[in-house]
Protein backbone atom coordinates (compact mmCIF):
# COMPACT_ATOMS: atom_id res chain seq x y z
CA MET A 1 126.50 102.99 85.15
CA ALA A 2 125.45 106.49 84.17
CA THR A 3 127.13 109.59 85.75
CA LEU A 4 124.93 111.60 87.98
CA PRO A 5 124.42 115.38 87.24
CA GLN A 6 125.43 117.69 90.11
CA PRO A 7 123.16 119.42 91.28
CA LEU A 8 120.54 116.91 91.04
CA PRO A 9 117.35 118.33 89.22
CA ASP A 10 114.27 119.26 91.25
CA GLY A 11 112.18 116.60 92.63
CA ALA A 12 115.03 113.96 91.49
CA ARG A 13 115.94 110.91 93.76
CA VAL A 14 118.87 108.69 93.51
CA VAL A 15 117.75 105.17 93.81
CA ARG A 16 119.51 101.72 93.30
CA CYS A 17 119.53 100.21 89.89
CA PRO A 18 117.52 97.09 90.02
CA ALA A 19 120.13 95.44 87.50
CA CYS A 20 123.65 96.66 88.53
CA GLN A 21 122.92 98.04 92.07
CA GLY A 22 124.51 101.29 91.07
CA ASP A 23 123.14 104.79 91.63
CA SER A 24 120.42 105.69 89.30
CA LEU A 25 118.64 108.83 88.78
CA TYR A 26 114.86 108.74 89.34
CA HIS A 27 113.56 111.88 87.23
CA ALA A 28 111.77 112.39 84.01
CA SER A 29 115.15 113.52 82.63
CA ASN A 30 116.41 109.87 82.68
CA PRO A 31 114.39 108.00 80.16
CA TYR A 32 115.57 104.55 81.52
CA ARG A 33 114.39 105.00 84.98
CA PRO A 34 114.43 102.94 87.49
CA PHE A 35 117.35 101.84 85.59
CA CYS A 36 120.75 103.61 85.31
CA GLY A 37 121.06 103.20 81.41
CA GLU A 38 119.86 101.51 78.41
CA ARG A 39 122.33 98.59 79.14
CA CYS A 40 120.85 97.51 82.31
CA LYS A 41 117.38 98.04 81.07
CA ASN A 42 117.86 95.85 78.18
CA ILE A 43 119.47 93.13 80.47
CA ASP A 44 116.29 93.21 82.72
CA PHE A 45 114.08 93.15 79.57
CA GLY A 46 116.19 90.03 78.08
CA ALA A 47 115.50 88.36 81.40
CA TRP A 48 112.01 89.18 81.31
CA ALA A 49 111.67 88.07 77.66
CA SER A 50 113.40 84.65 78.23
CA GLU A 51 111.16 83.98 81.22
CA SER A 52 113.87 84.08 83.78
CA PHE A 53 111.54 85.82 86.20
CA ARG A 54 109.22 83.13 87.44
CA MET A 55 107.13 82.53 90.53
CA PRO A 56 107.44 78.99 92.10
CA THR A 57 104.47 76.96 92.01
CA GLU A 58 103.07 73.63 93.53
CA ALA A 59 102.28 71.69 90.45
CA PRO A 60 100.06 68.31 91.02
CA PRO A 61 101.74 65.00 90.16
CA ASP A 62 101.25 64.04 86.70
CA ASP A 63 98.93 61.24 87.62
CA ALA A 64 96.50 63.55 89.62
CA PRO A 65 93.39 64.91 87.84
CA TYR A 66 93.59 68.49 86.85
CA GLY A 67 92.73 71.17 89.52
CA ASP A 68 93.68 71.41 93.25
CA PRO A 69 93.81 67.75 94.64
CA ARG A 70 93.29 69.26 98.28
CA LEU A 71 89.81 70.36 97.22
CA GLN A 72 88.74 67.28 95.33
CA GLN A 73 87.02 64.46 97.55
């Protein structure tokens, strides 16, 4: 978790880091925004690259024809 500069630059906001939930400076001076630092940004990128972020889907059974079985008659 990075140390926030005091006073904050003009137009800067303090937001919650999506990875560690700590304070993060949301401003052009933070190249890792919205993350607090390089480590948190890399952790998030690693999860994305390994496809850990997925949306649940309702897959048809293996024996069903392709497409949405509710639309087939």
